[in-house]
Amino acid sequence: MNNVSTRPAPPAPTGRYDYPGFSRLAGPLTEPDPHRPYRVAYRGLLRAEPHRLRAALLLVAAPLFEAVLLVWLLLPDHWPQRPGETDPWVLGGDRVMVASVAVIELCRLVNVVSNAHATLVARDPVPVRPLPGSRVAFLTTCVPGKEPAAMVRATLRAALDVRHDGPYHVWLLDEGDSAEMRGLCAELGVRHFSRAGLRRFNQRRGRFRARTKHGNYNSWLQRHGEAYDFWVSVDTDHVPVPELCERMLGYFRDPDVAFVVGPQVYGNYHSSPSSVTRFSESQQFLFHALVQRAGNRYGAPMFVGTNNAVRIGALRGIGGLADSITEDMATGLEFHRARNPLTGHRWKSVYTPDVLAVGEGPSSWTDFFAQQLRWSRGTYETLLTQYWRVAWRLGPGRLLNYTLMVCFYPMAAVTWLLGGLSSVLYLGFGASGVHVPSQLWLMLYGDAAALQVLLYTWNRRHNVSPHEPAGSSGVAGMAMSALCGPVYAAALVQALLRRRSRFVVTPKGAAGSPDRAASFRIHLGWALVFAGALAASAVTGDGQPAMRVWAAIALLSCLLPMAVHLMDRARQRRARQPERHLP
């Protein structure tokens, strides 16, 4: 079908959010010079900054202050001294404490360097009109019991309204070969595919692993991929805008572009009864507004499965989507280490800030924690099994970009684990860390932390979320990242112990998982650790006030998700109560 010739452009959606405006953040569509070979062009974000000197000072000062703090803390004069002490456990505890301080501060330094680097090199692509006539398949999936039929219908109906000047077919990849889904496809006039019952496409492992997203897509790719030049794809809970093809496919004029990705935003930002939906979108700010834009500098933004466009020939050339619980990151690595056989250049990718699909975020802490556990666990598995094998083939710039990107989860996990260990050793067993003047430490630490927060809030001007108010600080996102520390730590321990992982689809809509006490089991376990350390400190008298304050803050952060959940429930009960009128 050709949607340009058979369907008029739908009217712009109305409502409280400017989705049409945010679908054009990269700028107006342009026509490339027909006399020169096309290559993707970019605009640097800093070039449009009116106060470049302030920005430069901030980019230098934030990592510099953190580096000064790290070096100062680890000066030999600040190490614990125990004249005459021979107990190996006591001396060993001291060494562990000093090493923990070093690693935690080093992680903080790498994090601020990563943010400063992304701020410096972030850029947006200049949009161009696609070449007419390309054969495009729109793909989305359906997993029985995870995506309601109404949600699938909304996505498919919106997909039919996507404009493309050329052959364009909408496909539903039905994991369960449901009669209801077959009927829905027949009603809407879209194509239905299922690998259910086909042993070849339902293997225990590999590219066709059963009950996985990548196995479903690779099965379609094997059966029908040759009929198309590109696919555009969204998750089932993402409703595409009509400009999806117009704003993504033009970059494929560059023969070395393997895929194009866009940001992830949550349309249930305000309609969800749980605060977790709003907090989780805010948490994604740095990745979608900054880190992915930095990837444009090296032609290597990460592959994101929520909404993307893929050159099918390039995907077939690397064997399809990779077998991983985070198949998008693993597939992106395979693309970026491979070369285009026609040009000899490495495949590259493009990130557009245009919001071209509006999704549904997790509506419970249960689903949010499960999502974060899967994302972090997939990153660890990629690091342990794939990254060390392919990193040397990425090139220096891509290696730097990927390393800074994939370090986020392990650094957050290690920081949390060492923070907990230090609290137990210091408050419970009397181990000693670095000895520094408290006022000087507070000044340096406060300055370093303030500069990091200032860098974060300064970058909020580049936010791609149509839902968060302009000028908002993003405090909820920063807090959400901090609250995920116990989850990232649990995923790291699972990965190191080689515990089996499996692909889990985040339930959507009415199929979402309810919150129970067990939903917070990881956080409650850590709350017991910090509460025990504080109790032991009260009994033994060990510990300076600063260390007790840190343990108390960590304890409160472990209890905060459950507190927010209880406040949400109380607010929902009040909303359901009928209004009482005075006689």
Protein backbone atom coordinates (compact mmCIF):
# COMPACT_ATOMS: atom_id res chain seq x y z
CA MET A 1 0.00 0.00 0.00
CA ASN A 2 1.08 3.61 -0.54
CA ASN A 3 -0.22 5.82 2.22
CA VAL A 4 0.58 9.07 0.43
CA SER A 5 -1.77 8.30 -2.44
CA THR A 6 -4.58 6.67 -0.45
CA ARG A 7 -4.73 8.52 2.88
CA PRO A 8 -4.89 12.23 3.69
CA ALA A 9 -2.63 13.55 6.41
CA PRO A 10 -4.40 13.20 9.76
CA PRO A 11 -5.07 16.34 11.77
CA ALA A 12 -2.54 17.30 14.41
CA PRO A 13 -3.41 15.75 17.77
CA THR A 14 -4.85 18.06 20.36
CA GLY A 15 -4.37 17.98 24.11
CA ARG A 16 -2.12 19.25 26.80
CA TYR A 17 1.16 18.24 25.08
CA ASP A 18 2.79 19.61 21.94
CA TYR A 19 3.54 16.30 20.24
CA PRO A 20 3.64 17.84 16.73
CA GLY A 21 6.21 20.40 17.87
CA PHE A 22 8.36 17.80 19.61
CA SER A 23 8.27 15.61 16.49
CA ARG A 24 10.31 18.32 14.74
CA LEU A 25 12.99 19.07 17.34
CA ALA A 26 15.79 18.37 14.85
CA GLY A 27 14.52 21.15 12.57
CA PRO A 28 12.68 21.33 9.24
CA LEU A 29 13.16 18.74 6.53
CA THR A 30 15.75 19.74 3.95
CA GLU A 31 16.74 18.57 0.49
CA PRO A 32 20.39 17.45 0.15
CA ASP A 33 22.65 18.79 -2.58
CA PRO A 34 21.97 16.54 -5.62
CA HIS A 35 25.47 17.17 -7.00
CA ARG A 36 27.35 15.75 -4.01
CA PRO A 37 27.24 12.32 -2.32
CA TYR A 38 25.01 12.62 0.72
CA ARG A 39 26.43 12.17 4.22
CA VAL A 40 24.49 12.89 7.38
CA ALA A 41 25.14 16.47 8.55
CA TYR A 42 24.93 17.59 12.18
CA ARG A 43 24.46 20.70 14.30
CA GLY A 44 26.39 20.92 17.58
CA LEU A 45 24.25 21.84 20.59
CA LEU A 46 26.94 24.08 22.07
CA ARG A 47 27.13 26.13 18.88
CA ALA A 48 23.66 27.47 19.61
CA GLU A 49 24.58 28.28 23.22
CA PRO A 50 24.65 32.09 23.74
CA HIS A 51 26.85 31.82 26.86
CA ARG A 52 29.67 29.62 25.65
CA LEU A 53 32.19 30.95 28.16
CA ARG A 54 29.96 29.98 31.08
CA ALA A 55 29.41 26.58 29.54
CA ALA A 56 33.16 26.07 29.04
CA LEU A 57 33.91 27.03 32.65
CA LEU A 58 31.27 24.60 33.90
CA LEU A 59 32.58 21.77 31.72
CA VAL A 60 36.09 22.30 33.10
CA ALA A 61 35.21 23.02 36.73
CA ALA A 62 32.87 20.04 37.35
CA PRO A 63 35.38 17.25 36.59
CA LEU A 64 38.30 19.31 37.98
CA PHE A 65 36.74 19.72 41.41
CA GLU A 66 35.85 16.02 41.53
CA ALA A 67 39.44 15.10 40.59
CA VAL A 68 40.83 17.42 43.28
CA LEU A 69 38.54 15.84 45.87
CA LEU A 70 39.64 12.33 44.86
CA VAL A 71 43.36 13.15 45.04
CA TRP A 72 43.02 15.05 48.31
CA LEU A 73 41.07 12.28 50.04
CA LEU A 74 43.67 9.68 49.12
CA LEU A 75 46.75 11.57 50.30
CA PRO A 76 48.85 9.21 52.51
CA ASP A 77 48.53 11.64 55.43
CA HIS A 78 44.81 10.92 55.48
CA TRP A 79 45.13 7.14 55.79
CA PRO A 80 44.19 5.62 59.16
CA GLN A 81 47.07 5.19 61.63
CA ARG A 82 46.96 2.50 64.35
CA PRO A 83 50.33 2.41 66.12
CA GLY A 84 50.94 -0.98 67.71
CA GLU A 85 47.81 -2.58 66.22
CA THR A 86 48.45 -6.13 65.00
CA ASP A 87 44.96 -7.54 64.55
CA PRO A 88 44.77 -8.45 60.84
CA TRP A 89 40.98 -8.07 60.78
CA VAL A 90 41.15 -4.49 62.03
CA LEU A 91 43.97 -3.55 59.68
CA GLY A 92 42.26 -5.31 56.80
CA GLY A 93 39.03 -3.43 57.51
CA ASP A 94 40.91 -0.14 57.34
CA ARG A 95 42.37 -1.03 53.97
CA VAL A 96 38.97 -2.01 52.62
CA MET A 97 37.55 1.30 53.82
CA VAL A 98 40.27 3.33 52.08
CA ALA A 99 39.91 1.28 48.90
CA SER A 100 36.13 1.77 49.00
CA VAL A 101 36.52 5.53 49.26
CA ALA A 102 38.92 5.47 46.29
CA VAL A 103 36.60 3.41 44.09
CA ILE A 104 33.46 5.37 45.01
CA GLU A 105 35.11 8.71 44.28
CA LEU A 106 36.64 7.35 41.08
CA CYS A 107 33.17 6.30 39.92
CA ARG A 108 31.89 9.79 40.69
CA LEU A 109 34.74 11.26 38.66
CA VAL A 110 34.04 9.00 35.67
CA ASN A 111 30.36 9.91 35.86
CA VAL A 112 30.98 13.66 35.79
CA VAL A 113 33.60 13.26 33.03
CA SER A 114 31.02 11.28 31.04
CA ASN A 115 28.39 14.01 31.43
CA ALA A 116 30.87 16.76 30.57
CA HIS A 117 32.06 14.84 27.50
CA ALA A 118 28.49 14.30 26.32
CA THR A 119 27.68 17.98 26.81
CA LEU A 120 30.73 18.96 24.77
CA VAL A 121 30.14 16.72 21.73
CA ALA A 122 26.32 16.35 21.62
CA ARG A 123 24.79 17.16 18.25
CA ASP A 124 21.59 16.75 16.29
CA PRO A 125 21.29 15.47 12.70
CA VAL A 126 20.00 17.77 9.98
CA PRO A 127 16.78 16.09 8.72
CA VAL A 128 16.46 15.33 5.01
CA ARG A 129 13.54 14.07 2.95
CA PRO A 130 13.58 10.33 2.21
CA LEU A 131 14.07 9.01 -1.27
CA PRO A 132 10.66 8.01 -2.68
CA GLY A 133 9.86 4.45 -3.64
CA SER A 134 11.68 2.52 -0.91
CA ARG A 135 9.94 -0.62 0.35
CA VAL A 136 9.11 -0.27 4.05
CA ALA A 137 7.63 -2.66 6.60
CA PHE A 138 6.17 -1.34 9.83
CA LEU A 139 6.66 -3.92 12.59
CA THR A 140 5.28 -4.31 16.07
CA THR A 141 4.85 -7.37 18.26
CA CYS A 142 2.22 -8.90 20.49
CA VAL A 143 2.83 -11.23 23.45
CA PRO A 144 -0.26 -13.05 24.82
CA GLY A 145 -1.28 -11.78 28.24
CA LYS A 146 1.17 -8.86 28.21
CA GLU A 147 -0.36 -6.39 25.76
CA PRO A 148 -4.12 -5.72 25.79
CA ALA A 149 -5.95 -5.93 22.47
CA ALA A 150 -7.00 -2.28 22.75
CA MET A 151 -3.36 -1.24 22.96
CA VAL A 152 -2.43 -3.32 19.91
CA ARG A 153 -5.35 -1.85 17.99
CA ALA A 154 -4.28 1.73 18.80
CA THR A 155 -0.72 1.08 17.62
CA LEU A 156 -1.82 -0.61 14.39
CA ARG A 157 -4.37 2.08 13.56
CA ALA A 158 -1.74 4.78 14.05
CA ALA A 159 0.73 2.78 11.94
CA LEU A 160 -1.75 2.82 9.04
CA ASP A 161 -1.69 6.61 9.15
CA VAL A 162 2.10 6.85 8.86
CA ARG A 163 2.98 8.66 5.63
CA HIS A 164 5.43 7.13 3.17
CA ASP A 165 5.91 7.70 -0.55
CA GLY A 166 6.36 4.07 -1.60
CA PRO A 167 5.31 0.51 -0.78
CA TYR A 168 4.41 0.38 2.93
CA HIS A 169 3.00 -2.63 4.80
CA VAL A 170 2.01 -2.86 8.46
CA TRP A 171 2.86 -6.14 10.18
CA LEU A 172 1.89 -7.58 13.56
CA LEU A 173 4.35 -10.18 14.84
CA ASP A 174 2.06 -12.26 17.04
CA GLU A 175 4.02 -14.48 19.44
CA GLY A 176 0.93 -16.53 20.31
CA ASP A 177 -0.82 -16.84 16.92
CA SER A 178 -3.97 -15.61 18.62
CA ALA A 179 -7.32 -15.88 16.84
CA GLU A 180 -8.22 -12.48 18.33
CA MET A 181 -5.08 -10.91 16.83
CA ARG A 182 -5.71 -12.57 13.48
CA GLY A 183 -9.20 -11.14 13.47
CA LEU A 184 -7.92 -7.70 14.42
CA CYS A 185 -5.41 -7.75 11.58
CA ALA A 186 -8.05 -8.82 9.10
CA GLU A 187 -10.36 -6.06 10.30
CA LEU A 188 -7.72 -3.34 9.98
CA GLY A 189 -6.13 -4.68 6.81
CA VAL A 190 -2.65 -5.28 8.22
CA ARG A 191 -0.44 -8.33 7.82
CA HIS A 192 -0.11 -11.02 10.46
CA PHE A 193 2.94 -13.18 11.18
CA SER A 194 3.51 -15.79 13.87
CA ARG A 195 6.27 -18.27 14.52
CA ALA A 196 4.12 -20.24 16.98
CA GLY A 197 4.45 -23.98 16.36
CA LEU A 198 7.45 -23.61 14.04
CA ARG A 199 10.27 -25.51 15.68
CA ARG A 200 12.90 -23.91 13.47
CA PHE A 201 12.01 -20.50 14.84
CA ASN A 202 11.64 -21.55 18.49
CA GLN A 203 15.07 -22.64 19.70
CA ARG A 204 16.41 -22.86 23.26
CA ARG A 205 19.11 -20.29 22.50
CA GLY A 206 20.48 -18.24 19.64
CA ARG A 207 18.94 -15.84 17.15
CA PHE A 208 15.59 -17.69 17.15
CA ARG A 209 15.32 -18.18 20.92
CA ALA A 210 11.73 -18.91 21.95
CA ARG A 211 9.71 -16.34 23.91
CA THR A 212 12.04 -13.44 23.11
CA LYS A 213 11.58 -10.24 21.15
CA HIS A 214 14.70 -10.79 19.06
CA GLY A 215 13.60 -14.33 18.22
CA ASN A 216 10.26 -13.03 16.99
CA TYR A 217 11.82 -10.30 14.83
CA ASN A 218 14.51 -12.60 13.43
CA SER A 219 11.86 -15.13 12.42
CA TRP A 220 10.00 -12.45 10.44
CA LEU A 221 13.32 -11.28 8.99
CA GLN A 222 14.10 -14.79 7.76
CA ARG A 223 10.67 -15.25 6.19
CA HIS A 224 9.86 -11.80 4.80
CA GLY A 225 12.87 -9.51 5.16
CA GLU A 226 14.04 -9.78 1.55
CA ALA A 227 10.85 -8.10 0.33
CA TYR A 228 11.76 -4.78 2.00
CA ASP A 229 14.53 -2.19 2.06
CA PHE A 230 13.85 -0.90 5.60
CA TRP A 231 11.71 -1.56 8.59
CA VAL A 232 10.32 0.96 11.03
CA SER A 233 9.47 -0.56 14.35
CA VAL A 234 7.88 0.42 17.64
CA ASP A 235 7.06 -1.50 20.78
CA THR A 236 3.41 -2.46 21.06
CA ASP A 237 2.73 0.20 23.69
CA HIS A 238 4.15 2.96 21.45
CA VAL A 239 1.80 4.88 19.16
CA PRO A 240 3.68 6.25 16.14
CA VAL A 241 3.07 9.73 14.75
CA PRO A 242 2.27 10.15 11.02
CA GLU A 243 5.73 11.68 10.38
CA LEU A 244 7.60 8.55 11.54
CA CYS A 245 8.91 7.57 8.10
CA GLU A 246 9.37 11.13 6.87
CA ARG A 247 11.59 12.04 9.83
CA MET A 248 13.62 8.82 10.01
CA LEU A 249 14.14 7.36 6.56
CA GLY A 250 15.89 10.33 4.99
CA TYR A 251 19.13 9.56 6.83
CA PHE A 252 19.37 6.29 4.88
CA ARG A 253 20.39 8.36 1.86
CA ASP A 254 23.81 7.98 3.49
CA PRO A 255 24.76 4.45 2.38
CA ASP A 256 26.65 3.76 5.62
CA VAL A 257 23.70 4.37 7.98
CA ALA A 258 22.50 1.05 9.39
CA PHE A 259 19.79 2.28 11.76
CA VAL A 260 18.07 5.37 13.14
CA VAL A 261 16.61 5.65 16.64
CA GLY A 262 14.47 8.16 18.49
CA PRO A 263 13.75 9.02 22.13
CA GLN A 264 11.39 7.18 24.46
CA VAL A 265 8.60 9.13 26.16
CA TYR A 266 5.61 7.97 28.17
CA GLY A 267 2.13 9.05 27.10
CA ASN A 268 0.66 7.92 30.43
CA TYR A 269 2.83 10.53 32.17
CA HIS A 270 -0.14 12.11 33.97
CA SER A 271 -2.85 9.50 33.49
CA SER A 272 -1.00 6.79 35.41
CA PRO A 273 -2.17 6.49 39.04
CA SER A 274 1.41 5.87 40.16
CA SER A 275 4.11 8.50 40.55
CA VAL A 276 6.63 5.99 39.23
CA THR A 277 5.59 6.72 35.63
CA ARG A 278 6.49 10.40 35.87
CA PHE A 279 9.66 9.70 37.82
CA SER A 280 10.85 7.05 35.37
CA GLU A 281 10.49 9.34 32.34
CA SER A 282 12.45 12.03 34.16
CA GLN A 283 15.14 9.45 34.97
CA GLN A 284 15.71 8.86 31.24
CA PHE A 285 16.54 12.51 30.59
CA LEU A 286 20.34 12.16 30.46
CA PHE A 287 20.29 9.18 28.11
CA HIS A 288 17.81 10.49 25.55
CA ALA A 289 18.63 14.20 25.75
CA LEU A 290 22.42 14.00 26.01
CA VAL A 291 24.13 10.59 25.84
CA GLN A 292 22.48 9.52 22.59
CA ARG A 293 23.19 12.93 21.04
CA ALA A 294 26.85 12.49 22.01
CA GLY A 295 26.79 9.19 20.12
CA ASN A 296 26.07 11.18 16.94
CA ARG A 297 29.58 12.62 17.19
CA TYR A 298 31.00 9.14 16.52
CA GLY A 299 28.21 7.79 14.33
CA ALA A 300 27.36 5.36 17.11
CA PRO A 301 24.19 6.12 19.11
CA MET A 302 22.93 2.98 20.84
CA PHE A 303 20.28 0.85 19.16
CA VAL A 304 17.00 1.23 21.08
CA GLY A 305 14.17 -1.19 20.50
CA THR A 306 11.26 1.05 21.47
CA ASN A 307 11.22 2.95 18.16
CA ASN A 308 13.70 2.67 15.31
CA ALA A 309 14.28 2.32 11.59
CA VAL A 310 16.67 -0.33 10.24
CA ARG A 311 18.35 -0.99 6.91
CA ILE A 312 17.33 -4.62 6.41
CA GLY A 313 20.32 -5.50 4.23
CA ALA A 314 22.69 -4.35 6.97
CA LEU A 315 20.79 -6.32 9.61
CA ARG A 316 20.86 -9.48 7.53
CA GLY A 317 24.58 -8.92 7.04
CA ILE A 318 25.24 -9.21 10.80
CA GLY A 319 22.92 -12.20 11.18
CA GLY A 320 19.87 -10.44 12.65
CA LEU A 321 19.17 -9.14 16.13
CA ALA A 322 21.60 -10.46 18.74
CA ASP A 323 20.65 -13.10 21.31
CA SER A 324 20.55 -11.11 24.56
CA ILE A 325 18.01 -9.99 27.15
CA THR A 326 18.94 -6.48 25.98
CA GLU A 327 19.08 -7.32 22.31
CA ASP A 328 19.17 -3.66 21.29
CA MET A 329 22.52 -2.86 22.93
CA ALA A 330 24.08 -6.13 21.77
CA THR A 331 22.81 -5.62 18.20
CA GLY A 332 24.12 -2.06 18.12
CA LEU A 333 27.59 -3.31 19.05
CA GLU A 334 27.48 -5.83 16.23
CA PHE A 335 26.50 -3.11 13.77
CA HIS A 336 29.17 -0.68 14.92
CA ARG A 337 32.02 -3.17 14.70
CA ALA A 338 31.00 -4.35 11.20
CA ARG A 339 31.64 -2.71 7.83
CA ASN A 340 29.42 -1.89 4.91
CA PRO A 341 30.61 -4.33 2.19
CA LEU A 342 29.71 -1.82 -0.54
CA THR A 343 31.77 1.11 0.78
CA GLY A 344 34.23 -0.51 3.17
CA HIS A 345 33.25 1.98 5.88
CA ARG A 346 32.00 0.98 9.31
CA TRP A 347 28.24 0.98 9.70
CA LYS A 348 27.00 4.01 11.60
CA SER A 349 23.78 5.02 13.28
CA VAL A 350 21.83 8.22 13.81
CA TYR A 351 19.89 9.46 16.82
CA THR A 352 17.14 11.97 16.16
CA PRO A 353 15.65 13.93 19.08
CA ASP A 354 12.30 13.99 17.25
CA VAL A 355 9.57 12.36 19.34
CA LEU A 356 8.06 10.03 16.73
CA ALA A 357 6.30 7.51 18.97
CA VAL A 358 4.58 7.95 22.31
CA GLY A 359 4.75 4.94 24.61
CA GLU A 360 3.51 3.74 27.94
CA GLY A 361 5.79 3.75 30.96
CA PRO A 362 5.74 1.34 33.90
CA SER A 363 2.77 2.07 36.15
CA SER A 364 3.99 0.23 39.24
CA TRP A 365 7.21 -0.13 41.20
CA THR A 366 7.08 -3.86 40.47
CA ASP A 367 7.28 -3.32 36.72
CA PHE A 368 9.75 -0.46 37.03
CA PHE A 369 12.17 -2.49 39.14
CA ALA A 370 11.80 -5.46 36.77
CA GLN A 371 12.56 -3.19 33.82
CA GLN A 372 15.63 -1.69 35.50
CA LEU A 373 16.82 -5.14 36.58
CA ARG A 374 16.60 -6.41 32.99
CA TRP A 375 18.32 -3.38 31.48
CA SER A 376 21.19 -3.45 33.95
CA ARG A 377 21.53 -7.24 33.81
CA GLY A 378 21.67 -7.11 30.03
CA THR A 379 24.43 -4.48 30.20
CA TYR A 380 26.47 -6.66 32.56
CA GLU A 381 26.05 -9.68 30.30
CA THR A 382 27.10 -7.60 27.30
CA LEU A 383 30.22 -6.48 29.19
CA LEU A 384 31.07 -10.01 30.34
CA THR A 385 30.41 -11.89 27.12
CA GLN A 386 30.53 -9.51 24.15
CA TYR A 387 32.08 -6.13 24.82
CA TRP A 388 35.62 -7.30 25.59
CA ARG A 389 35.64 -9.26 22.30
CA VAL A 390 34.43 -6.47 20.02
CA ALA A 391 35.70 -3.28 21.70
CA TRP A 392 39.02 -3.28 19.85
CA ARG A 393 37.14 -3.18 16.53
CA LEU A 394 35.09 -0.08 17.36
CA GLY A 395 37.73 2.58 16.77
CA PRO A 396 38.99 5.09 19.39
CA GLY A 397 36.02 7.48 19.37
CA ARG A 398 33.37 4.79 19.47
CA LEU A 399 35.32 2.88 22.11
CA LEU A 400 35.35 5.99 24.34
CA ASN A 401 31.66 6.67 23.77
CA TYR A 402 30.54 3.09 24.39
CA THR A 403 32.78 2.68 27.44
CA LEU A 404 31.42 5.81 29.10
CA MET A 405 27.88 4.68 28.26
CA VAL A 406 28.07 1.09 29.49
CA CYS A 407 29.90 2.09 32.70
CA PHE A 408 26.77 3.66 34.17
CA TYR A 409 25.12 0.53 35.57
CA PRO A 410 28.27 -1.16 36.96
CA MET A 411 29.48 2.08 38.56
CA ALA A 412 26.11 2.66 40.22
CA ALA A 413 26.06 -0.94 41.46
CA VAL A 414 29.64 -0.89 42.76
CA THR A 415 29.10 2.46 44.48
CA TRP A 416 26.04 1.10 46.27
CA LEU A 417 27.72 -2.15 47.30
CA LEU A 418 30.83 -0.41 48.62
CA GLY A 419 28.72 2.20 50.41
CA GLY A 420 26.87 -0.56 52.23
CA LEU A 421 30.08 -2.43 53.03
CA SER A 422 31.75 0.73 54.36
CA SER A 423 28.77 1.46 56.63
CA VAL A 424 28.86 -2.03 58.12
CA LEU A 425 32.64 -2.03 58.61
CA TYR A 426 32.76 1.48 60.05
CA LEU A 427 29.65 1.52 62.23
CA GLY A 428 29.51 -2.14 63.14
CA PHE A 429 33.13 -3.23 63.44
CA GLY A 430 35.07 -0.05 64.11
CA ALA A 431 37.06 0.00 60.87
CA SER A 432 38.50 3.39 59.98
CA GLY A 433 38.48 5.22 56.67
CA VAL A 434 40.32 8.35 55.62
CA HIS A 435 40.86 10.99 58.32
CA VAL A 436 40.25 14.51 57.01
CA PRO A 437 39.14 17.80 58.55
CA SER A 438 35.36 17.69 58.41
CA GLN A 439 34.90 21.34 57.43
CA LEU A 440 37.36 21.13 54.55
CA TRP A 441 35.85 17.84 53.39
CA LEU A 442 32.36 19.35 53.51
CA MET A 443 33.50 22.35 51.47
CA LEU A 444 35.21 20.29 48.74
CA TYR A 445 32.51 17.66 48.62
CA GLY A 446 29.77 20.29 48.56
CA ASP A 447 31.47 22.22 45.74
CA ALA A 448 31.98 19.05 43.66
CA ALA A 449 28.37 17.93 44.20
CA ALA A 450 26.99 21.40 43.44
CA LEU A 451 28.91 21.56 40.15
CA GLN A 452 27.61 18.12 39.14
CA VAL A 453 24.03 19.17 39.86
CA LEU A 454 24.59 22.47 38.04
CA LEU A 455 25.88 20.61 34.97
CA TYR A 456 22.82 18.33 35.10
CA THR A 457 20.32 21.17 35.45
CA TRP A 458 22.09 23.28 32.79
CA ASN A 459 21.60 20.43 30.31
CA ARG A 460 17.88 20.31 31.08
CA ARG A 461 17.43 22.94 28.37
CA HIS A 462 18.03 20.10 25.89
CA ASN A 463 15.24 17.94 27.29
CA VAL A 464 13.28 16.01 24.63
CA SER A 465 10.30 15.14 26.85
CA PRO A 466 7.04 16.84 25.82
CA HIS A 467 5.63 16.01 29.26
CA GLU A 468 8.04 17.55 31.76
CA PRO A 469 7.42 21.27 32.28
CA ALA A 470 9.92 23.63 30.67
CA GLY A 471 12.50 24.77 33.20
CA SER A 472 11.89 21.84 35.55
CA SER A 473 14.92 20.80 37.59
CA GLY A 474 14.73 17.05 37.01
CA VAL A 475 15.11 16.34 40.72
CA ALA A 476 12.71 13.40 40.41
CA GLY A 477 14.94 11.82 37.75
CA MET A 478 18.07 12.24 39.87
CA ALA A 479 16.30 10.75 42.87
CA MET A 480 15.00 7.84 40.77
CA SER A 481 18.52 6.97 39.63
CA ALA A 482 19.68 6.96 43.24
CA LEU A 483 16.78 4.71 44.27
CA CYS A 484 17.79 2.17 41.63
CA GLY A 485 21.17 1.51 43.26
CA PRO A 486 19.98 -1.62 45.13
CA VAL A 487 18.43 -3.02 41.91
CA TYR A 488 21.60 -2.48 39.89
CA ALA A 489 23.64 -4.08 42.67
CA ALA A 490 21.35 -7.14 42.71
CA ALA A 491 21.65 -7.48 38.93
CA LEU A 492 25.46 -7.27 39.15
CA VAL A 493 25.61 -10.01 41.78
CA GLN A 494 23.34 -12.21 39.63
CA ALA A 495 25.52 -11.66 36.58
CA LEU A 496 28.76 -12.42 38.46
CA LEU A 497 27.23 -15.59 39.94
CA ARG A 498 26.09 -16.57 36.42
CA ARG A 499 22.49 -16.94 37.52
CA ARG A 500 20.27 -17.67 34.55
CA SER A 501 18.47 -14.68 33.07
CA ARG A 502 15.47 -14.63 30.82
CA PHE A 503 13.71 -12.10 28.62
CA VAL A 504 10.73 -10.59 30.42
CA VAL A 505 8.22 -8.34 28.68
CA THR A 506 7.11 -5.43 30.84
CA PRO A 507 3.33 -5.86 31.26
CA LYS A 508 1.28 -3.03 29.77
CA GLY A 509 -2.01 -1.36 30.57
CA ALA A 510 -4.41 -3.41 32.67
CA ALA A 511 -1.93 -6.30 32.60
CA GLY A 512 0.52 -4.30 34.73
CA SER A 513 1.79 -5.93 37.89
CA PRO A 514 0.39 -4.69 41.21
CA ASP A 515 2.72 -3.55 43.97
CA ARG A 516 3.06 -5.77 47.02
CA ALA A 517 5.49 -5.94 49.91
CA ALA A 518 7.58 -8.41 47.86
CA SER A 519 7.98 -5.72 45.19
CA PHE A 520 10.30 -3.88 47.56
CA ARG A 521 12.20 -6.92 48.85
CA ILE A 522 15.59 -5.76 47.53
CA HIS A 523 15.22 -2.33 49.10
CA LEU A 524 13.88 -3.71 52.37
CA GLY A 525 16.84 -6.09 52.58
CA TRP A 526 19.26 -3.18 52.25
CA ALA A 527 17.22 -1.17 54.75
CA LEU A 528 17.91 -3.92 57.29
CA VAL A 529 21.64 -3.67 56.53
CA PHE A 530 21.80 0.07 57.17
CA ALA A 531 19.45 -0.08 60.15
CA GLY A 532 21.61 -2.83 61.64
CA ALA A 533 24.77 -0.78 61.13
CA LEU A 534 23.18 2.24 62.84
CA ALA A 535 21.97 0.09 65.72
CA ALA A 536 25.42 -1.46 66.16
CA SER A 537 26.96 2.02 66.16
CA ALA A 538 24.62 3.10 68.95
CA VAL A 539 25.69 0.11 71.04
CA THR A 540 29.45 0.23 70.40
CA GLY A 541 29.79 4.00 70.18
CA ASP A 542 31.80 3.70 66.94
CA GLY A 543 31.31 6.08 64.07
CA GLN A 544 31.50 9.77 63.40
CA PRO A 545 28.29 11.76 62.89
CA ALA A 546 29.01 12.13 59.15
CA MET A 547 29.08 8.37 58.65
CA ARG A 548 25.90 7.93 60.64
CA VAL A 549 24.22 10.61 58.53
CA TRP A 550 25.27 8.77 55.34
CA ALA A 551 23.86 5.48 56.67
CA ALA A 552 20.64 7.23 57.70
CA ILE A 553 20.24 8.78 54.22
CA ALA A 554 20.84 5.38 52.62
CA LEU A 555 18.26 3.83 54.95
CA LEU A 556 15.68 6.47 54.04
CA SER A 557 16.35 6.01 50.31
CA CYS A 558 15.68 2.28 50.71
CA LEU A 559 12.33 3.02 52.36
CA LEU A 560 11.33 5.85 50.01
CA PRO A 561 9.87 3.71 47.17
CA MET A 562 7.47 2.00 49.59
CA ALA A 563 6.60 5.37 51.15
CA VAL A 564 5.77 6.83 47.72
CA HIS A 565 3.69 3.74 46.94
CA LEU A 566 1.70 4.15 50.16
CA MET A 567 1.14 7.86 49.46
CA ASP A 568 -0.09 7.03 45.96
CA ARG A 569 -2.53 4.49 47.38
CA ALA A 570 -3.81 6.99 49.93
CA ARG A 571 -4.31 9.60 47.21
CA GLN A 572 -6.18 7.10 45.03
CA ARG A 573 -8.48 6.17 47.93
CA ARG A 574 -9.28 9.81 48.54
CA ALA A 575 -10.02 10.30 44.83
CA ARG A 576 -12.47 7.39 44.86
CA GLN A 577 -14.41 8.68 47.87
CA PRO A 578 -17.63 10.53 46.97
CA GLU A 579 -17.70 14.21 47.82
CA ARG A 580 -19.53 15.03 51.03
CA HIS A 581 -21.71 18.13 51.02
CA LEU A 582 -22.75 19.96 54.13
CA PRO A 583 -26.51 20.08 54.68
